[in-house]
N, C-alpha and C. Protein backbone atom coordinates (compact mmCIF):
# COMPACT_ATOMS: atom_id res chain seq x y z
N MET A 1 -39.82 -11.74 7.35
CA MET A 1 -39.49 -12.14 6.70
C MET A 1 -40.38 -13.55 7.47
N GLY A 2 -41.42 -14.25 6.77
CA GLY A 2 -42.27 -15.52 6.59
C GLY A 2 -42.11 -16.08 6.85
N ARG A 3 -42.94 -17.69 7.38
CA ARG A 3 -42.21 -18.70 7.98
C ARG A 3 -42.21 -19.22 7.06
N PHE A 4 -43.31 -19.36 5.59
CA PHE A 4 -42.11 -20.19 4.73
C PHE A 4 -41.32 -19.58 3.97
N GLN A 5 -41.47 -18.22 3.95
CA GLN A 5 -39.59 -18.23 3.36
C GLN A 5 -38.52 -18.88 4.38
N LYS A 6 -38.86 -18.34 5.23
CA LYS A 6 -37.39 -19.36 6.22
C LYS A 6 -37.38 -20.97 5.97
N GLN A 7 -38.04 -21.47 6.17
CA GLN A 7 -38.07 -23.02 5.41
C GLN A 7 -38.11 -23.23 4.49
N TRP A 8 -37.48 -22.45 3.20
CA TRP A 8 -37.72 -22.71 2.00
C TRP A 8 -36.33 -21.77 2.30
N ALA A 9 -35.85 -20.82 2.42
CA ALA A 9 -34.13 -20.89 2.52
C ALA A 9 -32.95 -21.51 3.36
N LEU A 10 -33.97 -22.31 4.60
CA LEU A 10 -33.17 -23.03 5.15
C LEU A 10 -32.84 -24.06 4.54
N ARG A 11 -33.47 -25.55 4.08
CA ARG A 11 -34.00 -25.65 3.42
C ARG A 11 -32.59 -25.93 1.88
N VAL A 12 -32.72 -24.59 1.26
CA VAL A 12 -31.49 -24.27 0.51
C VAL A 12 -30.55 -24.58 1.11
N LEU A 13 -30.73 -24.00 1.69
CA LEU A 13 -28.86 -23.79 2.21
C LEU A 13 -28.55 -24.68 2.06
N GLY A 14 -29.77 -26.00 2.75
CA GLY A 14 -29.41 -27.40 3.45
C GLY A 14 -28.45 -28.24 2.47
N ILE A 15 -29.61 -27.92 0.91
CA ILE A 15 -28.89 -28.35 -0.15
C ILE A 15 -28.02 -27.89 -0.59
N SER A 16 -27.71 -26.63 -0.86
CA SER A 16 -26.43 -26.63 -0.98
C SER A 16 -24.87 -27.17 -0.23
N CYS A 17 -25.35 -26.31 1.31
CA CYS A 17 -24.35 -27.84 2.11
C CYS A 17 -24.24 -29.11 1.61
N LEU A 18 -24.92 -30.41 0.66
CA LEU A 18 -25.18 -31.10 1.28
C LEU A 18 -24.65 -31.15 -0.34
N LEU A 19 -24.61 -30.49 -1.19
CA LEU A 19 -24.08 -31.12 -2.57
C LEU A 19 -22.78 -30.19 -2.58
N LEU A 20 -22.62 -29.60 -1.87
CA LEU A 20 -20.74 -29.06 -1.36
C LEU A 20 -19.90 -30.58 -0.66
N LEU A 21 -20.76 -30.81 -0.27
CA LEU A 21 -20.22 -31.31 0.60
C LEU A 21 -19.91 -33.15 -0.37
N LEU A 22 -20.83 -33.10 -1.02
CA LEU A 22 -21.09 -34.05 -1.94
C LEU A 22 -19.80 -34.03 -3.21
N PHE A 23 -19.78 -32.78 -3.65
CA PHE A 23 -18.56 -31.76 -4.56
C PHE A 23 -17.65 -32.72 -4.58
N PHE A 24 -17.43 -31.67 -2.82
CA PHE A 24 -15.88 -32.10 -2.18
C PHE A 24 -15.80 -33.82 -2.26
N PHE A 25 -16.35 -34.88 -1.18
CA PHE A 25 -16.11 -36.59 -1.05
C PHE A 25 -15.80 -37.01 -2.56
N PHE A 26 -16.56 -36.76 -3.97
CA PHE A 26 -16.13 -37.26 -5.59
C PHE A 26 -15.47 -36.31 -5.59
N SER A 27 -14.60 -35.61 -5.46
CA SER A 27 -13.39 -34.70 -5.96
C SER A 27 -12.21 -35.64 -6.11
N ASN A 28 -12.06 -35.94 -4.83
CA ASN A 28 -11.11 -36.54 -3.71
C ASN A 28 -10.68 -37.99 -2.97
N TYR A 29 -12.18 -39.12 -3.65
CA TYR A 29 -13.04 -40.21 -2.98
C TYR A 29 -13.48 -40.79 -4.07
N LYS A 30 -12.92 -42.52 -4.29
CA LYS A 30 -14.02 -43.27 -5.15
C LYS A 30 -13.96 -44.06 -4.85
N ILE A 31 -15.50 -44.70 -5.24
CA ILE A 31 -15.78 -45.82 -4.56
C ILE A 31 -15.73 -46.98 -5.25
N ALA A 32 -15.39 -48.29 -5.07
CA ALA A 32 -15.16 -49.46 -6.29
C ALA A 32 -15.44 -50.18 -5.66
N ARG A 33 -15.76 -51.52 -6.45
CA ARG A 33 -15.63 -52.91 -5.48
C ARG A 33 -13.84 -53.07 -6.60
N VAL A 34 -13.40 -54.55 -5.83
CA VAL A 34 -12.54 -55.04 -5.80
C VAL A 34 -12.77 -56.36 -6.68
N SER A 35 -11.72 -56.77 -7.49
CA SER A 35 -12.02 -57.78 -8.62
C SER A 35 -10.25 -58.41 -9.13
N GLY A 36 -10.45 -60.07 -7.92
CA GLY A 36 -9.64 -60.70 -7.88
C GLY A 36 -8.84 -60.98 -6.33
N GLU A 37 -8.34 -61.63 -5.96
CA GLU A 37 -7.45 -61.83 -4.78
C GLU A 37 -6.14 -62.06 -4.90
N SER A 38 -5.52 -61.13 -5.72
CA SER A 38 -4.01 -60.58 -5.13
C SER A 38 -4.07 -60.14 -3.96
N MET A 39 -4.63 -59.21 -2.72
CA MET A 39 -4.64 -58.68 -1.79
C MET A 39 -5.56 -59.23 -0.45
N VAL A 40 -5.54 -60.83 -0.82
CA VAL A 40 -6.88 -61.67 0.04
C VAL A 40 -4.69 -61.63 1.59
N PRO A 41 -5.55 -62.15 2.05
CA PRO A 41 -6.60 -61.13 3.34
C PRO A 41 -7.23 -60.21 3.43
N ILE A 42 -6.38 -59.18 3.44
CA ILE A 42 -6.30 -57.75 3.67
C ILE A 42 -7.67 -56.95 2.38
N ILE A 43 -7.83 -57.68 1.06
CA ILE A 43 -9.09 -57.22 0.56
C ILE A 43 -9.81 -59.19 0.45
N GLN A 44 -10.75 -58.83 -0.23
CA GLN A 44 -11.71 -59.54 -1.05
C GLN A 44 -12.07 -59.90 -1.84
N ASN A 45 -12.05 -60.85 -2.87
CA ASN A 45 -12.91 -60.34 -3.54
C ASN A 45 -14.25 -59.53 -3.73
N ASN A 46 -14.52 -59.34 -4.46
CA ASN A 46 -16.14 -58.27 -4.30
C ASN A 46 -16.27 -57.51 -3.20
N GLU A 47 -14.98 -57.10 -2.61
CA GLU A 47 -15.18 -55.80 -1.14
C GLU A 47 -15.17 -54.83 -2.38
N LEU A 48 -16.19 -53.67 -1.24
CA LEU A 48 -16.16 -52.16 -1.59
C LEU A 48 -15.12 -51.43 -1.25
N VAL A 49 -14.92 -50.67 -1.40
CA VAL A 49 -13.13 -50.07 -0.80
C VAL A 49 -13.73 -49.04 -1.55
N LEU A 50 -12.47 -47.58 -0.09
CA LEU A 50 -12.74 -46.41 -0.52
C LEU A 50 -11.60 -46.04 -0.85
N ILE A 51 -11.58 -45.43 -1.82
CA ILE A 51 -10.39 -44.74 -3.23
C ILE A 51 -9.95 -43.40 -2.23
N GLN A 52 -8.99 -42.75 -2.59
CA GLN A 52 -8.27 -41.37 -1.89
C GLN A 52 -7.21 -40.86 -2.92
N LYS A 53 -8.18 -40.30 -3.56
CA LYS A 53 -7.50 -39.69 -5.15
C LYS A 53 -5.91 -38.85 -4.83
N ASN A 54 -4.23 -39.52 -4.18
CA ASN A 54 -3.91 -38.70 -4.17
C ASN A 54 -2.60 -39.00 -4.46
N GLN A 55 -1.46 -37.95 -3.71
CA GLN A 55 -0.35 -39.28 -4.47
C GLN A 55 -0.12 -40.14 -3.96
N PRO A 56 0.71 -41.03 -3.77
CA PRO A 56 0.92 -42.68 -3.32
C PRO A 56 2.39 -42.38 -2.25
N HIS A 57 2.68 -43.02 -1.34
CA HIS A 57 3.72 -43.64 -1.11
C HIS A 57 4.48 -44.58 -0.54
N ARG A 58 4.49 -45.75 -0.41
CA ARG A 58 5.94 -46.43 -0.02
C ARG A 58 4.61 -47.00 0.92
N TYR A 59 4.74 -47.49 1.26
CA TYR A 59 3.60 -48.83 1.54
C TYR A 59 2.27 -48.74 1.04
N ASP A 60 1.83 -47.61 0.60
CA ASP A 60 0.51 -47.39 0.17
C ASP A 60 0.03 -48.02 -0.73
N LEU A 61 -1.69 -48.63 -0.12
CA LEU A 61 -2.66 -49.57 -1.23
C LEU A 61 -3.05 -47.80 -2.33
N VAL A 62 -2.77 -49.05 -3.39
CA VAL A 62 -3.34 -47.88 -4.23
C VAL A 62 -4.20 -48.95 -4.68
N ALA A 63 -5.24 -48.27 -6.65
CA ALA A 63 -5.57 -48.95 -6.68
C ALA A 63 -6.20 -47.95 -8.93
N PHE A 64 -5.55 -48.24 -9.66
CA PHE A 64 -6.24 -48.74 -10.86
C PHE A 64 -6.75 -49.42 -11.10
N GLU A 65 -7.49 -49.23 -12.90
CA GLU A 65 -7.68 -49.30 -13.72
C GLU A 65 -6.88 -50.85 -15.11
N HIS A 66 -7.03 -51.97 -14.95
CA HIS A 66 -6.57 -52.49 -16.04
C HIS A 66 -7.43 -53.83 -16.69
N GLU A 67 -7.82 -53.04 -17.94
CA GLU A 67 -8.54 -53.92 -18.54
C GLU A 67 -10.15 -53.88 -18.38
N GLY A 68 -9.93 -53.07 -18.25
CA GLY A 68 -11.58 -53.15 -16.93
C GLY A 68 -11.81 -53.22 -15.89
N ARG A 69 -10.58 -54.21 -14.64
CA ARG A 69 -11.56 -54.67 -13.97
C ARG A 69 -9.69 -53.07 -12.64
N LEU A 70 -11.21 -53.02 -11.45
CA LEU A 70 -10.06 -51.99 -10.62
C LEU A 70 -9.08 -53.82 -9.99
N ILE A 71 -7.87 -53.29 -10.70
CA ILE A 71 -6.70 -53.88 -9.57
C ILE A 71 -5.98 -52.91 -8.03
N VAL A 72 -5.79 -53.49 -7.18
CA VAL A 72 -5.33 -53.03 -5.35
C VAL A 72 -4.51 -54.02 -5.72
N LYS A 73 -3.32 -53.11 -5.85
CA LYS A 73 -1.32 -52.97 -5.26
C LYS A 73 -1.44 -52.76 -4.17
N ARG A 74 0.00 -51.91 -4.30
CA ARG A 74 0.04 -51.71 -2.35
C ARG A 74 2.10 -51.44 -2.77
N VAL A 75 2.00 -50.02 -3.41
CA VAL A 75 3.44 -49.59 -4.07
C VAL A 75 4.64 -49.39 -2.46
N ILE A 76 5.47 -49.89 -3.68
CA ILE A 76 7.33 -50.91 -2.49
C ILE A 76 7.98 -49.52 -2.75
N GLY A 77 8.26 -49.09 -4.91
CA GLY A 77 9.00 -48.11 -5.11
C GLY A 77 8.53 -46.54 -5.22
N VAL A 78 8.83 -46.23 -5.03
CA VAL A 78 8.43 -44.44 -5.38
C VAL A 78 9.81 -43.98 -6.66
N PRO A 79 8.96 -42.92 -6.85
CA PRO A 79 9.40 -42.12 -7.75
C PRO A 79 10.92 -41.58 -6.57
N GLY A 80 12.17 -41.97 -7.30
CA GLY A 80 13.44 -41.45 -6.80
C GLY A 80 14.75 -42.63 -6.53
N ASP A 81 13.68 -44.02 -6.86
CA ASP A 81 13.67 -44.99 -6.02
C ASP A 81 15.27 -45.77 -7.14
N SER A 82 16.25 -46.11 -6.22
CA SER A 82 17.19 -47.40 -7.35
C SER A 82 16.92 -48.13 -8.22
N TYR A 83 17.26 -49.04 -9.27
CA TYR A 83 16.99 -50.83 -9.26
C TYR A 83 17.65 -51.25 -9.87
N ALA A 84 18.17 -52.14 -10.42
CA ALA A 84 18.86 -52.68 -11.19
C ALA A 84 17.66 -54.21 -11.12
N ARG A 85 18.09 -54.86 -12.08
CA ARG A 85 17.53 -56.01 -12.73
C ARG A 85 18.86 -58.04 -13.18
N SER A 86 18.62 -59.09 -12.67
CA SER A 86 19.47 -59.62 -12.36
C SER A 86 18.15 -61.14 -13.29
N GLY A 87 18.99 -61.43 -14.21
CA GLY A 87 18.26 -61.55 -14.96
C GLY A 87 16.38 -61.49 -14.37
N ASN A 88 15.41 -62.65 -13.67
CA ASN A 88 14.38 -63.09 -13.08
C ASN A 88 14.48 -62.02 -11.86
N ARG A 89 15.46 -61.26 -11.44
CA ARG A 89 15.46 -60.75 -9.98
C ARG A 89 15.74 -59.38 -10.71
N LEU A 90 14.84 -59.20 -9.05
CA LEU A 90 14.98 -57.19 -9.68
C LEU A 90 15.17 -56.37 -7.64
N LEU A 91 16.02 -56.46 -8.20
CA LEU A 91 16.37 -55.11 -6.72
C LEU A 91 16.06 -54.10 -6.97
N LEU A 92 15.48 -53.55 -5.50
CA LEU A 92 14.52 -51.87 -5.70
C LEU A 92 15.72 -51.37 -4.26
N GLY A 93 16.23 -50.38 -4.32
CA GLY A 93 16.77 -49.42 -3.40
C GLY A 93 15.75 -48.55 -3.00
N ALA A 94 16.06 -48.10 -1.36
CA ALA A 94 15.90 -46.46 -1.96
C ALA A 94 16.21 -45.18 -1.96
N SER A 95 15.41 -44.39 -2.78
CA SER A 95 15.50 -42.71 -2.89
C SER A 95 17.61 -42.95 -1.69
N GLY A 96 18.25 -42.51 -2.64
CA GLY A 96 18.93 -42.09 -2.67
C GLY A 96 20.50 -42.82 -2.50
N SER A 97 20.57 -44.64 -2.89
CA SER A 97 21.07 -45.80 -2.73
C SER A 97 21.41 -46.27 -3.32
N TYR A 98 21.72 -46.20 -4.44
CA TYR A 98 21.91 -46.61 -5.86
C TYR A 98 22.44 -47.84 -5.48
N TYR A 99 22.77 -48.28 -4.54
CA TYR A 99 23.52 -49.62 -4.46
C TYR A 99 24.11 -51.00 -3.34
N ASP A 100 22.61 -49.65 -2.24
CA ASP A 100 21.92 -50.63 -1.65
C ASP A 100 20.97 -50.48 -1.05
N PHE A 101 20.80 -51.71 -1.90
CA PHE A 101 19.71 -52.58 -1.70
C PHE A 101 18.62 -52.66 -0.71
N SER A 102 17.62 -52.28 -0.69
CA SER A 102 16.13 -52.91 -0.07
C SER A 102 15.42 -53.80 -0.45
N TYR A 103 15.01 -54.19 -0.72
CA TYR A 103 14.65 -55.01 -0.73
C TYR A 103 14.84 -55.84 -2.26
N THR A 104 14.70 -57.80 -3.09
CA THR A 104 15.07 -57.96 -3.68
C THR A 104 12.89 -59.04 -4.18
N PHE A 105 12.89 -59.01 -5.14
CA PHE A 105 11.67 -59.49 -5.72
C PHE A 105 11.65 -60.49 -7.00
N THR A 106 11.51 -61.64 -6.37
CA THR A 106 11.48 -62.58 -8.02
C THR A 106 10.03 -62.19 -9.04
N LEU A 107 10.75 -61.64 -10.60
CA LEU A 107 10.23 -61.78 -11.49
C LEU A 107 9.84 -62.79 -12.16
N THR A 108 8.47 -63.22 -13.00
CA THR A 108 7.57 -63.21 -14.46
C THR A 108 9.23 -63.48 -15.19
N GLN A 109 9.04 -64.14 -16.15
CA GLN A 109 9.54 -63.58 -17.40
C GLN A 109 9.21 -63.08 -18.00
N GLU A 110 8.49 -63.02 -18.17
CA GLU A 110 7.45 -61.94 -19.48
C GLU A 110 7.90 -60.18 -18.77
N THR A 111 7.59 -59.68 -17.06
CA THR A 111 8.35 -58.93 -16.44
C THR A 111 9.00 -58.37 -16.84
N ALA A 112 10.38 -59.99 -16.01
CA ALA A 112 11.87 -59.68 -16.26
C ALA A 112 12.26 -58.61 -17.89
N ARG A 113 11.54 -59.29 -19.13
CA ARG A 113 11.47 -59.19 -20.59
C ARG A 113 11.25 -57.71 -20.44
N GLU A 114 10.34 -57.13 -19.66
CA GLU A 114 10.16 -55.70 -20.93
C GLU A 114 10.86 -54.79 -19.93
N LEU A 115 11.45 -55.15 -18.95
CA LEU A 115 12.90 -54.39 -17.57
C LEU A 115 13.02 -53.87 -18.17
N PRO A 116 14.28 -52.76 -17.65
CA PRO A 116 15.34 -52.11 -18.71
C PRO A 116 15.56 -53.26 -17.11
N ILE A 117 17.72 -53.20 -17.41
CA ILE A 117 18.82 -53.96 -16.56
C ILE A 117 18.79 -52.90 -15.62
N GLY A 118 17.83 -51.23 -15.10
CA GLY A 118 19.23 -51.07 -14.57
C GLY A 118 18.33 -49.11 -14.75
N GLY A 119 18.21 -48.92 -13.39
CA GLY A 119 17.73 -47.35 -12.86
C GLY A 119 17.08 -46.84 -12.62
N ILE A 120 16.68 -45.81 -12.12
CA ILE A 120 16.06 -44.84 -11.43
C ILE A 120 14.76 -44.42 -11.31
N LEU A 121 13.67 -44.74 -10.48
CA LEU A 121 12.48 -44.53 -10.61
C LEU A 121 11.58 -43.36 -10.76
N GLN A 122 11.47 -43.07 -12.32
CA GLN A 122 11.10 -41.19 -12.66
C GLN A 122 9.86 -40.59 -11.67
N PRO A 123 9.71 -39.22 -12.23
CA PRO A 123 8.24 -38.51 -11.15
C PRO A 123 7.38 -39.97 -12.30
N GLY A 124 6.33 -40.12 -10.64
CA GLY A 124 4.52 -40.84 -11.38
C GLY A 124 5.10 -42.51 -12.17
N GLU A 125 7.00 -42.89 -11.70
CA GLU A 125 6.53 -44.32 -12.32
C GLU A 125 6.70 -44.49 -10.24
N TYR A 126 6.19 -46.10 -10.38
CA TYR A 126 6.02 -47.02 -9.50
C TYR A 126 5.90 -48.44 -9.99
N PHE A 127 6.94 -49.26 -8.33
CA PHE A 127 6.84 -50.44 -8.04
C PHE A 127 5.28 -51.13 -7.41
N VAL A 128 4.91 -51.70 -7.62
CA VAL A 128 4.05 -51.87 -7.11
C VAL A 128 3.65 -54.11 -6.91
N VAL A 129 3.62 -54.45 -5.71
CA VAL A 129 3.35 -55.90 -5.38
C VAL A 129 1.66 -56.02 -4.96
N GLY A 130 1.47 -57.28 -5.01
CA GLY A 130 0.05 -57.74 -4.74
C GLY A 130 -0.62 -58.44 -5.49
């Protein structure tokens, strides 16, 4: 193999590795700009964040789009957690503790009207704050 062929093969190998690395990165992560100040001082308005695409756990920061804006919130309720609403108060219990509530939150009247009186968070359902 000549010198030119070796250089060409190394370049193709390098570009292939770079493309594979970029594919892995962008299939598992997303770079986005935050809009809003609900997570200050942890995350500032217009700050760039690296978002890992995975199943969220309690206390993780999660990001999702709502009305064209990137929203960042903290997960406080995960599938299997129980909740009860009393007026505009939300009582949230960890998995397996239907009456032993771990958290109490005050809801807006609008949110309280939309939320059922009580239940258990199903797969894919989360409570977030921030």
